[in-house]
Amino acid sequence: MGKAFVFLADGFEEIEGLTVVDLLRRAGIETQMVSVMGSLKITGSHGIQVNADVLFEDMNDLDTELYVLPGGMPGTKHLAAHKALGKLLQNAASSGKIVAAICAAPSVLGGLGLLKDRRATSYPGFEEQLVGAELSEDQVVVSGNIITSRGMGTAIPFGLELIAQLKDRAAADKVADSIIFSRK
C-alpha cells in the first residue's frame, strides 16, 4: 500500500487538512503533511499553527498513491500558484494515482485541466473554476482517480472515502465506527 501527501499552505482550512491526516493515519496509511511555503510552520486560515512533516522540495513521492489538497483561503491560492505542485498533480493523475481536493481546492484541479469530462464538486461559488467538469452537489464525488468534496462539513466523509479508495470500504467503516461517525 502506498502513502499519502496532504499539501499545506498558509491559509489552509484547518479542519479539512487535519481531519484527512487524522483519518488516514487512523487507517494505518503513512501520511505526510507537505508544506509548499518553504517553511515547516504553516498557519491555517483561522490562525492555528501546525508543523508540516516535510517541505515540498524535500519530499520523496516514491510509493505515493494519494495527493490531497485542503481548501481555505488564501491557502487554495497558494496551492494554485505553486507550479511544481501543479506538475506533480498532473503527473500523478495521468499515472492513475488518486488526486483529491476539498472546498475551494477543486478549483486548483480545474485550472490544471484535471476535471475535464469528470464529475466534480466544490464549495459553493467555485463551480465556474471546475473547468470542463459535470457539476455535482454530492458531499463527495469519486470520478475515476479524482475525488472532490464540498467543504469543512464534508471533511469526515471525504477522509473516509479516501481510505475506502486507498484500502477498502471495510477499513473506512472500521475508522468510521471508531470515531462514532454515523453513515445513515
Foldseek 3Di string as FASTA:
>chain_A
DFAEEEEWAAFFACLLRVVLVVLCVVLVHHYWYEYAHPAQWHAYNVGDIDGTPYYPVPDDCVRYQEYEYGHGPPGLVSCLPRVVNLVVVVVNVVVQGAYEYAALNCLSCLVSVNAAPWEEEHAPPNVVSNHNHDYDPDQWGDTRRYIYGYHSVSSLVSSLVVSCVVPRNVSSVVSCVVVVHDPD
